[in-house]
Amino acid sequence: MPIGQFKSALDGNSFWTNAKCLFADRRAILDADGLRIGGYKLITVAGDRSLLWDLMVEGRPVRFPALHVNNTDYPFSLDITSGETTVAVIHSGTTSYSDYSLEFNGKKYLWKDVSKVRKVMQLELDSQVYARAHSEGLLVNQTFIEVRRDLPLDIICLLFCMFGGMVRHLTA
């Protein structure tokens, strides 16, 4: 299981891709060696309305369903699947501003804000920090996830989607 600095990068090197840099552009997920391990894109009105994120982990699609929630819908759970297999479950807190958790292989990791000024979030298990995420730019133009302890690639790639600013109020 990998550790190190993971980051997102816009897919494509065209001037148009780099100039527009929209939240809905496809982003590659690069490992600490700069190798592509996955990719993600926010699904817009033009895409499959049942999914919020088009997430790929090592070429395998991972379903991150769209779930529009109201204040009365908290807490909720969201199943993340690959094929017929449940990869993880994202649990909300009791409000849209509460910390979330990520359940993976029977372990429940806490996903919480640690700095709202710089928008830094971290993943914890038993008070141990496993990963920290932050972004540079006005939108989530380039996201960095520093993995401090061994984590499966599925979790690392999910963190990029969970960190996205818009996802906070639509789903986990």
N, C-alpha and C. Protein backbone atom coordinates (compact mmCIF):
# COMPACT_ATOMS: atom_id res chain seq x y z
N MET A 1 0.84 -1.17 0.00
CA MET A 1 0.00 0.00 0.00
C MET A 1 0.89 1.24 0.00
N PRO A 2 0.51 2.21 -0.78
CA PRO A 2 1.40 3.36 -0.98
C PRO A 2 1.29 4.45 0.09
N ILE A 3 2.37 5.18 0.23
CA ILE A 3 2.38 6.40 1.02
C ILE A 3 3.09 7.46 0.17
N GLY A 4 3.09 8.70 0.63
CA GLY A 4 3.76 9.77 -0.11
C GLY A 4 2.78 10.84 -0.55
N GLN A 5 3.25 11.71 -1.45
CA GLN A 5 2.46 12.85 -1.92
C GLN A 5 1.73 12.50 -3.21
N PHE A 6 0.41 12.54 -3.19
CA PHE A 6 -0.40 12.32 -4.38
C PHE A 6 -0.98 13.65 -4.80
N LYS A 7 -1.23 13.82 -6.09
CA LYS A 7 -1.77 15.10 -6.54
C LYS A 7 -2.65 14.91 -7.76
N SER A 8 -3.44 15.93 -8.02
CA SER A 8 -4.27 15.92 -9.22
C SER A 8 -3.63 16.84 -10.26
N ALA A 9 -3.91 16.55 -11.51
CA ALA A 9 -3.43 17.37 -12.62
C ALA A 9 -4.47 17.34 -13.72
N LEU A 10 -4.68 18.46 -14.38
CA LEU A 10 -5.64 18.50 -15.48
C LEU A 10 -5.23 17.52 -16.56
N ASP A 11 -6.21 16.81 -17.09
CA ASP A 11 -5.95 15.91 -18.22
C ASP A 11 -5.84 16.73 -19.48
N GLY A 12 -4.79 16.55 -20.22
CA GLY A 12 -4.61 17.27 -21.48
C GLY A 12 -3.72 18.48 -21.30
N ASN A 13 -3.02 18.83 -22.35
CA ASN A 13 -2.09 19.95 -22.29
C ASN A 13 -2.47 21.08 -23.22
N SER A 14 -3.69 21.07 -23.74
CA SER A 14 -4.09 22.12 -24.67
C SER A 14 -4.26 23.44 -23.93
N PHE A 15 -4.15 24.53 -24.67
CA PHE A 15 -4.35 25.85 -24.08
C PHE A 15 -5.76 25.95 -23.51
N TRP A 16 -6.75 25.43 -24.23
CA TRP A 16 -8.13 25.53 -23.79
C TRP A 16 -8.33 24.78 -22.47
N THR A 17 -7.78 23.60 -22.36
CA THR A 17 -7.90 22.83 -21.12
C THR A 17 -7.30 23.60 -19.96
N ASN A 18 -6.12 24.14 -20.17
CA ASN A 18 -5.45 24.85 -19.08
C ASN A 18 -6.07 26.21 -18.79
N ALA A 19 -6.65 26.85 -19.81
CA ALA A 19 -7.22 28.18 -19.62
C ALA A 19 -8.56 28.11 -18.89
N LYS A 20 -9.41 27.16 -19.24
CA LYS A 20 -10.73 27.14 -18.62
C LYS A 20 -10.70 26.54 -17.22
N CYS A 21 -10.02 25.41 -17.04
CA CYS A 21 -9.81 24.82 -15.72
C CYS A 21 -11.07 24.82 -14.87
N LEU A 22 -12.12 24.21 -15.39
CA LEU A 22 -13.38 24.15 -14.67
C LEU A 22 -13.39 23.00 -13.69
N PHE A 23 -14.30 23.09 -12.72
CA PHE A 23 -14.44 22.04 -11.73
C PHE A 23 -14.81 20.72 -12.39
N ALA A 24 -15.49 20.81 -13.56
CA ALA A 24 -15.96 19.60 -14.24
C ALA A 24 -14.93 19.03 -15.22
N ASP A 25 -13.75 19.60 -15.30
CA ASP A 25 -12.69 19.03 -16.15
C ASP A 25 -12.19 17.73 -15.53
N ARG A 26 -11.77 16.81 -16.38
CA ARG A 26 -11.19 15.56 -15.89
C ARG A 26 -9.80 15.85 -15.33
N ARG A 27 -9.53 15.25 -14.19
CA ARG A 27 -8.23 15.39 -13.55
C ARG A 27 -7.62 14.00 -13.38
N ALA A 28 -6.34 13.93 -13.64
CA ALA A 28 -5.60 12.69 -13.40
C ALA A 28 -5.16 12.70 -11.95
N ILE A 29 -5.09 11.52 -11.36
CA ILE A 29 -4.54 11.37 -10.01
C ILE A 29 -3.17 10.73 -10.17
N LEU A 30 -2.15 11.44 -9.70
CA LEU A 30 -0.77 11.00 -9.86
C LEU A 30 -0.20 10.57 -8.52
N ASP A 31 0.58 9.49 -8.54
CA ASP A 31 1.20 9.03 -7.29
C ASP A 31 2.46 9.83 -7.01
N ALA A 32 3.18 9.44 -5.97
CA ALA A 32 4.38 10.18 -5.55
C ALA A 32 5.47 10.17 -6.62
N ASP A 33 5.44 9.20 -7.53
CA ASP A 33 6.42 9.14 -8.61
C ASP A 33 5.94 9.81 -9.89
N GLY A 34 4.76 10.43 -9.85
CA GLY A 34 4.21 11.10 -11.02
C GLY A 34 3.49 10.17 -11.98
N LEU A 35 3.26 8.91 -11.58
CA LEU A 35 2.56 7.96 -12.44
C LEU A 35 1.06 8.04 -12.20
N ARG A 36 0.31 7.92 -13.27
CA ARG A 36 -1.14 8.01 -13.18
C ARG A 36 -1.71 6.74 -12.52
N ILE A 37 -2.49 6.93 -11.44
CA ILE A 37 -3.13 5.80 -10.78
C ILE A 37 -4.65 5.87 -10.92
N GLY A 38 -5.16 7.01 -11.33
CA GLY A 38 -6.60 7.16 -11.46
C GLY A 38 -6.97 8.49 -12.05
N GLY A 39 -8.25 8.79 -12.01
CA GLY A 39 -8.75 10.06 -12.51
C GLY A 39 -10.16 10.29 -12.01
N TYR A 40 -10.58 11.55 -12.02
CA TYR A 40 -11.92 11.87 -11.56
C TYR A 40 -12.43 13.12 -12.27
N LYS A 41 -13.74 13.23 -12.32
CA LYS A 41 -14.40 14.36 -12.97
C LYS A 41 -15.77 14.50 -12.33
N LEU A 42 -16.17 15.73 -12.04
CA LEU A 42 -17.51 15.98 -11.55
C LEU A 42 -18.48 15.78 -12.70
N ILE A 43 -19.50 14.98 -12.49
CA ILE A 43 -20.50 14.76 -13.53
C ILE A 43 -21.41 15.99 -13.57
N THR A 44 -21.55 16.58 -14.74
CA THR A 44 -22.42 17.75 -14.90
C THR A 44 -23.74 17.31 -15.52
N VAL A 45 -24.55 18.26 -15.89
CA VAL A 45 -25.88 17.94 -16.45
C VAL A 45 -25.78 17.12 -17.72
N ALA A 46 -24.63 17.14 -18.39
CA ALA A 46 -24.47 16.40 -19.63
C ALA A 46 -24.20 14.92 -19.39
N GLY A 47 -23.90 14.55 -18.17
CA GLY A 47 -23.50 13.17 -17.90
C GLY A 47 -24.59 12.34 -17.27
N ASP A 48 -24.18 11.23 -16.71
CA ASP A 48 -25.07 10.29 -16.02
C ASP A 48 -25.52 10.91 -14.70
N ARG A 49 -26.80 11.21 -14.59
CA ARG A 49 -27.32 11.92 -13.41
C ARG A 49 -27.32 11.06 -12.15
N SER A 50 -27.09 9.75 -12.29
CA SER A 50 -27.08 8.90 -11.10
C SER A 50 -25.74 8.97 -10.37
N LEU A 51 -24.72 9.52 -11.02
CA LEU A 51 -23.40 9.62 -10.42
C LEU A 51 -23.03 11.07 -10.19
N LEU A 52 -22.32 11.33 -9.10
CA LEU A 52 -21.80 12.67 -8.86
C LEU A 52 -20.39 12.80 -9.42
N TRP A 53 -19.58 11.76 -9.25
CA TRP A 53 -18.20 11.77 -9.71
C TRP A 53 -17.97 10.62 -10.67
N ASP A 54 -17.24 10.88 -11.73
CA ASP A 54 -16.75 9.84 -12.63
C ASP A 54 -15.35 9.52 -12.13
N LEU A 55 -15.24 8.47 -11.32
CA LEU A 55 -13.99 8.13 -10.65
C LEU A 55 -13.42 6.83 -11.22
N MET A 56 -12.14 6.85 -11.54
CA MET A 56 -11.42 5.67 -12.01
C MET A 56 -10.25 5.42 -11.08
N VAL A 57 -10.06 4.15 -10.69
CA VAL A 57 -8.91 3.75 -9.88
C VAL A 57 -8.19 2.66 -10.65
N GLU A 58 -6.98 2.95 -11.10
CA GLU A 58 -6.19 2.02 -11.91
C GLU A 58 -7.00 1.43 -13.07
N GLY A 59 -7.73 2.30 -13.77
CA GLY A 59 -8.50 1.89 -14.94
C GLY A 59 -9.83 1.23 -14.63
N ARG A 60 -10.17 1.07 -13.36
CA ARG A 60 -11.41 0.43 -12.93
C ARG A 60 -12.40 1.50 -12.47
N PRO A 61 -13.63 1.50 -13.04
CA PRO A 61 -14.60 2.51 -12.60
C PRO A 61 -15.10 2.24 -11.18
N VAL A 62 -15.16 3.29 -10.40
CA VAL A 62 -15.69 3.23 -9.04
C VAL A 62 -16.89 4.17 -9.00
N ARG A 63 -18.05 3.63 -8.64
CA ARG A 63 -19.30 4.40 -8.66
C ARG A 63 -19.43 5.24 -7.39
N PHE A 64 -19.52 6.55 -7.59
CA PHE A 64 -19.73 7.51 -6.51
C PHE A 64 -21.08 8.14 -6.79
N PRO A 65 -22.17 7.59 -6.22
CA PRO A 65 -23.51 8.03 -6.61
C PRO A 65 -23.84 9.45 -6.18
N ALA A 66 -24.73 10.08 -6.96
CA ALA A 66 -25.25 11.40 -6.62
C ALA A 66 -26.35 11.22 -5.58
N LEU A 67 -26.34 12.06 -4.59
CA LEU A 67 -27.36 12.02 -3.55
C LEU A 67 -27.61 13.45 -3.11
N HIS A 68 -28.75 13.99 -3.49
CA HIS A 68 -29.09 15.35 -3.09
C HIS A 68 -29.82 15.28 -1.76
N VAL A 69 -29.31 15.99 -0.78
CA VAL A 69 -29.85 15.88 0.57
C VAL A 69 -30.33 17.24 1.06
N ASN A 70 -31.32 17.21 1.94
CA ASN A 70 -31.81 18.40 2.64
C ASN A 70 -31.33 18.32 4.07
N ASN A 71 -31.54 19.38 4.80
CA ASN A 71 -31.09 19.41 6.20
C ASN A 71 -31.73 18.30 7.03
N THR A 72 -32.91 17.85 6.64
CA THR A 72 -33.59 16.81 7.41
C THR A 72 -33.10 15.41 7.07
N ASP A 73 -32.24 15.28 6.03
CA ASP A 73 -31.76 13.97 5.59
C ASP A 73 -30.53 13.48 6.35
N TYR A 74 -29.94 14.32 7.20
CA TYR A 74 -28.74 13.93 7.93
C TYR A 74 -29.13 13.14 9.17
N PRO A 75 -28.36 12.17 9.59
CA PRO A 75 -27.18 11.62 8.92
C PRO A 75 -27.60 10.64 7.81
N PHE A 76 -26.69 10.42 6.87
CA PHE A 76 -26.95 9.48 5.79
C PHE A 76 -25.68 8.69 5.49
N SER A 77 -25.83 7.63 4.71
CA SER A 77 -24.70 6.82 4.28
C SER A 77 -24.75 6.69 2.77
N LEU A 78 -23.60 6.57 2.16
CA LEU A 78 -23.48 6.51 0.71
C LEU A 78 -22.56 5.35 0.35
N ASP A 79 -23.08 4.35 -0.36
CA ASP A 79 -22.28 3.20 -0.77
C ASP A 79 -21.47 3.51 -2.01
N ILE A 80 -20.18 3.30 -1.95
CA ILE A 80 -19.27 3.46 -3.08
C ILE A 80 -18.98 2.05 -3.59
N THR A 81 -19.24 1.81 -4.88
CA THR A 81 -19.13 0.45 -5.41
C THR A 81 -18.24 0.39 -6.64
N SER A 82 -17.74 -0.81 -6.89
CA SER A 82 -17.03 -1.13 -8.13
C SER A 82 -17.62 -2.44 -8.60
N GLY A 83 -18.36 -2.38 -9.71
CA GLY A 83 -19.09 -3.56 -10.15
C GLY A 83 -20.15 -3.89 -9.11
N GLU A 84 -20.17 -5.12 -8.66
CA GLU A 84 -21.14 -5.56 -7.64
C GLU A 84 -20.58 -5.47 -6.23
N THR A 85 -19.33 -5.03 -6.10
CA THR A 85 -18.65 -5.01 -4.81
C THR A 85 -18.72 -3.63 -4.16
N THR A 86 -19.06 -3.59 -2.88
CA THR A 86 -19.01 -2.33 -2.13
C THR A 86 -17.56 -2.07 -1.74
N VAL A 87 -17.03 -0.96 -2.21
CA VAL A 87 -15.64 -0.59 -1.93
C VAL A 87 -15.54 0.08 -0.56
N ALA A 88 -16.46 1.02 -0.32
CA ALA A 88 -16.43 1.80 0.92
C ALA A 88 -17.82 2.37 1.17
N VAL A 89 -18.03 2.86 2.37
CA VAL A 89 -19.27 3.55 2.72
C VAL A 89 -18.89 4.89 3.34
N ILE A 90 -19.48 5.95 2.81
CA ILE A 90 -19.25 7.28 3.37
C ILE A 90 -20.43 7.61 4.26
N HIS A 91 -20.14 7.99 5.50
CA HIS A 91 -21.18 8.35 6.46
C HIS A 91 -21.08 9.84 6.74
N SER A 92 -22.22 10.51 6.74
CA SER A 92 -22.24 11.93 7.09
C SER A 92 -22.34 12.08 8.59
N GLY A 93 -22.11 13.30 9.03
CA GLY A 93 -22.39 13.63 10.42
C GLY A 93 -23.86 13.96 10.54
N THR A 94 -24.25 14.60 11.62
CA THR A 94 -25.66 14.92 11.83
C THR A 94 -26.10 16.18 11.09
N THR A 95 -25.13 16.96 10.57
CA THR A 95 -25.45 18.15 9.77
C THR A 95 -24.49 18.21 8.58
N SER A 96 -24.75 19.14 7.67
CA SER A 96 -23.87 19.28 6.50
C SER A 96 -22.48 19.78 6.88
N TYR A 97 -22.33 20.34 8.06
CA TYR A 97 -21.03 20.85 8.48
C TYR A 97 -20.32 19.93 9.45
N SER A 98 -20.93 18.79 9.76
CA SER A 98 -20.30 17.83 10.65
C SER A 98 -19.24 17.03 9.91
N ASP A 99 -18.32 16.48 10.66
CA ASP A 99 -17.29 15.65 10.05
C ASP A 99 -17.89 14.38 9.47
N TYR A 100 -17.30 13.90 8.42
CA TYR A 100 -17.73 12.67 7.76
C TYR A 100 -16.81 11.54 8.18
N SER A 101 -17.22 10.31 7.84
CA SER A 101 -16.34 9.18 8.06
C SER A 101 -16.38 8.29 6.82
N LEU A 102 -15.32 7.52 6.65
CA LEU A 102 -15.17 6.62 5.52
C LEU A 102 -14.95 5.22 6.08
N GLU A 103 -15.88 4.33 5.80
CA GLU A 103 -15.78 2.96 6.28
C GLU A 103 -15.18 2.10 5.16
N PHE A 104 -14.09 1.41 5.48
CA PHE A 104 -13.37 0.59 4.50
C PHE A 104 -12.86 -0.66 5.20
N ASN A 105 -13.23 -1.83 4.70
CA ASN A 105 -12.80 -3.11 5.28
C ASN A 105 -13.03 -3.18 6.79
N GLY A 106 -14.19 -2.70 7.22
CA GLY A 106 -14.54 -2.79 8.64
C GLY A 106 -13.93 -1.72 9.52
N LYS A 107 -13.09 -0.85 8.96
CA LYS A 107 -12.48 0.23 9.73
C LYS A 107 -13.20 1.53 9.39
N LYS A 108 -13.41 2.37 10.40
CA LYS A 108 -14.10 3.63 10.19
C LYS A 108 -13.12 4.79 10.40
N TYR A 109 -12.71 5.39 9.29
CA TYR A 109 -11.79 6.53 9.31
C TYR A 109 -12.60 7.82 9.46
N LEU A 110 -12.14 8.74 10.28
CA LEU A 110 -12.77 10.04 10.42
C LEU A 110 -12.19 10.99 9.38
N TRP A 111 -13.06 11.71 8.66
CA TRP A 111 -12.66 12.66 7.63
C TRP A 111 -13.14 14.02 8.09
N LYS A 112 -12.20 14.89 8.50
CA LYS A 112 -12.63 16.13 9.14
C LYS A 112 -11.82 17.34 8.70
N ASP A 113 -12.46 18.50 8.86
CA ASP A 113 -11.80 19.78 8.61
C ASP A 113 -10.81 20.04 9.73
N VAL A 114 -9.60 20.44 9.36
CA VAL A 114 -8.64 20.83 10.38
C VAL A 114 -8.23 22.29 10.23
N SER A 115 -8.56 22.89 9.08
CA SER A 115 -8.33 24.31 8.87
C SER A 115 -9.30 24.81 7.82
N LYS A 116 -10.30 25.55 8.26
CA LYS A 116 -11.28 26.08 7.32
C LYS A 116 -10.72 27.29 6.56
N VAL A 117 -9.71 27.94 7.11
CA VAL A 117 -9.12 29.10 6.44
C VAL A 117 -8.40 28.65 5.17
N ARG A 118 -7.57 27.62 5.28
CA ARG A 118 -6.83 27.10 4.12
C ARG A 118 -7.52 25.90 3.50
N LYS A 119 -8.64 25.47 4.07
CA LYS A 119 -9.38 24.28 3.61
C LYS A 119 -8.45 23.08 3.58
N VAL A 120 -8.08 22.63 4.77
CA VAL A 120 -7.27 21.43 4.93
C VAL A 120 -8.13 20.39 5.64
N MET A 121 -8.14 19.18 5.10
CA MET A 121 -8.88 18.10 5.73
C MET A 121 -7.93 16.95 5.98
N GLN A 122 -8.28 16.11 6.94
CA GLN A 122 -7.42 14.96 7.20
C GLN A 122 -8.25 13.73 7.52
N LEU A 123 -7.64 12.59 7.24
CA LEU A 123 -8.24 11.28 7.46
C LEU A 123 -7.55 10.67 8.66
N GLU A 124 -8.34 10.27 9.67
CA GLU A 124 -7.77 9.72 10.91
C GLU A 124 -8.38 8.37 11.22
N LEU A 125 -7.60 7.55 11.87
CA LEU A 125 -8.06 6.29 12.41
C LEU A 125 -7.43 6.14 13.78
N ASP A 126 -8.25 5.99 14.81
CA ASP A 126 -7.76 5.87 16.18
C ASP A 126 -6.79 6.98 16.55
N SER A 127 -7.17 8.22 16.23
CA SER A 127 -6.39 9.43 16.53
C SER A 127 -5.06 9.50 15.79
N GLN A 128 -4.81 8.60 14.87
CA GLN A 128 -3.60 8.64 14.04
C GLN A 128 -3.97 9.27 12.70
N VAL A 129 -3.17 10.23 12.23
CA VAL A 129 -3.42 10.88 10.94
C VAL A 129 -2.87 9.99 9.83
N TYR A 130 -3.75 9.60 8.92
CA TYR A 130 -3.35 8.77 7.79
C TYR A 130 -3.09 9.59 6.54
N ALA A 131 -3.83 10.69 6.37
CA ALA A 131 -3.65 11.52 5.18
C ALA A 131 -4.16 12.93 5.46
N ARG A 132 -3.56 13.90 4.77
CA ARG A 132 -4.00 15.29 4.82
C ARG A 132 -4.20 15.77 3.40
N ALA A 133 -5.25 16.55 3.18
CA ALA A 133 -5.56 17.04 1.83
C ALA A 133 -5.69 18.55 1.85
N HIS A 134 -5.17 19.19 0.80
CA HIS A 134 -5.37 20.62 0.61
C HIS A 134 -5.35 20.90 -0.89
N SER A 135 -5.78 22.09 -1.24
CA SER A 135 -5.84 22.47 -2.64
C SER A 135 -5.14 23.80 -2.84
N GLU A 136 -4.71 24.01 -4.07
CA GLU A 136 -4.13 25.31 -4.44
C GLU A 136 -4.96 25.86 -5.58
N GLY A 137 -5.32 27.12 -5.49
CA GLY A 137 -6.16 27.74 -6.51
C GLY A 137 -7.54 28.02 -5.93
N LEU A 138 -8.33 28.79 -6.69
CA LEU A 138 -9.66 29.17 -6.21
C LEU A 138 -10.61 27.99 -6.19
N LEU A 139 -10.63 27.22 -7.26
CA LEU A 139 -11.42 26.00 -7.27
C LEU A 139 -10.49 24.87 -6.85
N VAL A 140 -10.94 23.65 -6.98
CA VAL A 140 -10.05 22.55 -6.62
C VAL A 140 -9.19 22.27 -7.86
N ASN A 141 -8.40 23.29 -8.24
CA ASN A 141 -7.59 23.19 -9.45
C ASN A 141 -6.53 22.12 -9.34
N GLN A 142 -5.82 22.13 -8.25
CA GLN A 142 -4.84 21.08 -8.02
C GLN A 142 -4.91 20.70 -6.56
N THR A 143 -5.24 19.45 -6.33
CA THR A 143 -5.40 18.95 -4.97
C THR A 143 -4.19 18.09 -4.63
N PHE A 144 -3.71 18.24 -3.41
CA PHE A 144 -2.58 17.46 -2.92
C PHE A 144 -3.05 16.64 -1.73
N ILE A 145 -2.72 15.37 -1.74
CA ILE A 145 -3.03 14.50 -0.61
C ILE A 145 -1.73 13.85 -0.15
N GLU A 146 -1.34 14.21 1.06
CA GLU A 146 -0.14 13.65 1.66
C GLU A 146 -0.56 12.43 2.47
N VAL A 147 -0.16 11.25 2.01
CA VAL A 147 -0.50 10.01 2.68
C VAL A 147 0.65 9.67 3.62
N ARG A 148 0.36 9.65 4.92
CA ARG A 148 1.40 9.46 5.93
C ARG A 148 1.54 8.02 6.39
N ARG A 149 0.48 7.24 6.24
CA ARG A 149 0.48 5.82 6.61
C ARG A 149 -0.12 5.04 5.46
N ASP A 150 0.22 3.77 5.38
CA ASP A 150 -0.27 2.95 4.28
C ASP A 150 -1.78 3.03 4.13
N LEU A 151 -2.21 3.33 2.91
CA LEU A 151 -3.64 3.36 2.57
C LEU A 151 -3.83 2.67 1.22
N PRO A 152 -4.94 1.97 1.05
CA PRO A 152 -5.24 1.39 -0.26
C PRO A 152 -5.50 2.49 -1.29
N LEU A 153 -5.21 2.20 -2.56
CA LEU A 153 -5.42 3.18 -3.62
C LEU A 153 -6.88 3.60 -3.72
N ASP A 154 -7.81 2.69 -3.44
CA ASP A 154 -9.22 3.06 -3.48
C ASP A 154 -9.52 4.23 -2.53
N ILE A 155 -8.99 4.17 -1.32
CA ILE A 155 -9.22 5.26 -0.36
C ILE A 155 -8.54 6.53 -0.85
N ILE A 156 -7.31 6.43 -1.30
CA ILE A 156 -6.58 7.62 -1.75
C ILE A 156 -7.34 8.32 -2.87
N CYS A 157 -7.81 7.57 -3.84
CA CYS A 157 -8.55 8.17 -4.96
C CYS A 157 -9.89 8.73 -4.50
N LEU A 158 -10.56 8.07 -3.56
CA LEU A 158 -11.82 8.59 -3.03
C LEU A 158 -11.63 9.92 -2.32
N LEU A 159 -10.50 10.11 -1.68
CA LEU A 159 -10.25 11.35 -0.95
C LEU A 159 -10.26 12.56 -1.87
N PHE A 160 -9.82 12.39 -3.12
CA PHE A 160 -9.85 13.51 -4.06
C PHE A 160 -11.28 13.97 -4.29
N CYS A 161 -12.20 13.02 -4.46
CA CYS A 161 -13.61 13.37 -4.64
C CYS A 161 -14.20 13.95 -3.36
N MET A 162 -13.89 13.34 -2.24
CA MET A 162 -14.44 13.81 -0.97
C MET A 162 -13.95 15.22 -0.64
N PHE A 163 -12.76 15.56 -1.09
CA PHE A 163 -12.22 16.88 -0.80
C PHE A 163 -12.88 17.97 -1.64
N GLY A 164 -13.43 17.59 -2.81
CA GLY A 164 -14.03 18.58 -3.72
C GLY A 164 -15.03 19.47 -3.00
N GLY A 165 -14.92 20.76 -3.19
CA GLY A 165 -15.77 21.72 -2.49
C GLY A 165 -17.26 21.53 -2.72
N MET A 166 -17.68 21.25 -3.95
CA MET A 166 -19.10 21.13 -4.25
C MET A 166 -19.70 19.88 -3.61
N VAL A 167 -18.92 18.84 -3.49
CA VAL A 167 -19.45 17.58 -2.97
C VAL A 167 -19.87 17.72 -1.51
N ARG A 168 -19.32 18.68 -0.83
CA ARG A 168 -19.59 18.85 0.60
C ARG A 168 -21.08 19.09 0.86
N HIS A 169 -21.77 19.79 -0.05
CA HIS A 169 -23.17 20.11 0.20
C HIS A 169 -24.12 19.28 -0.64
N LEU A 170 -23.60 18.48 -1.56
CA LEU A 170 -24.44 17.59 -2.34
C LEU A 170 -24.47 16.20 -1.75
N THR A 171 -23.31 15.70 -1.40
CA THR A 171 -23.18 14.39 -0.75
C THR A 171 -22.01 14.51 0.21
N ALA A 172 -21.39 13.38 0.47
CA ALA A 172 -20.26 13.39 1.39
C ALA A 172 -19.21 14.27 0.82
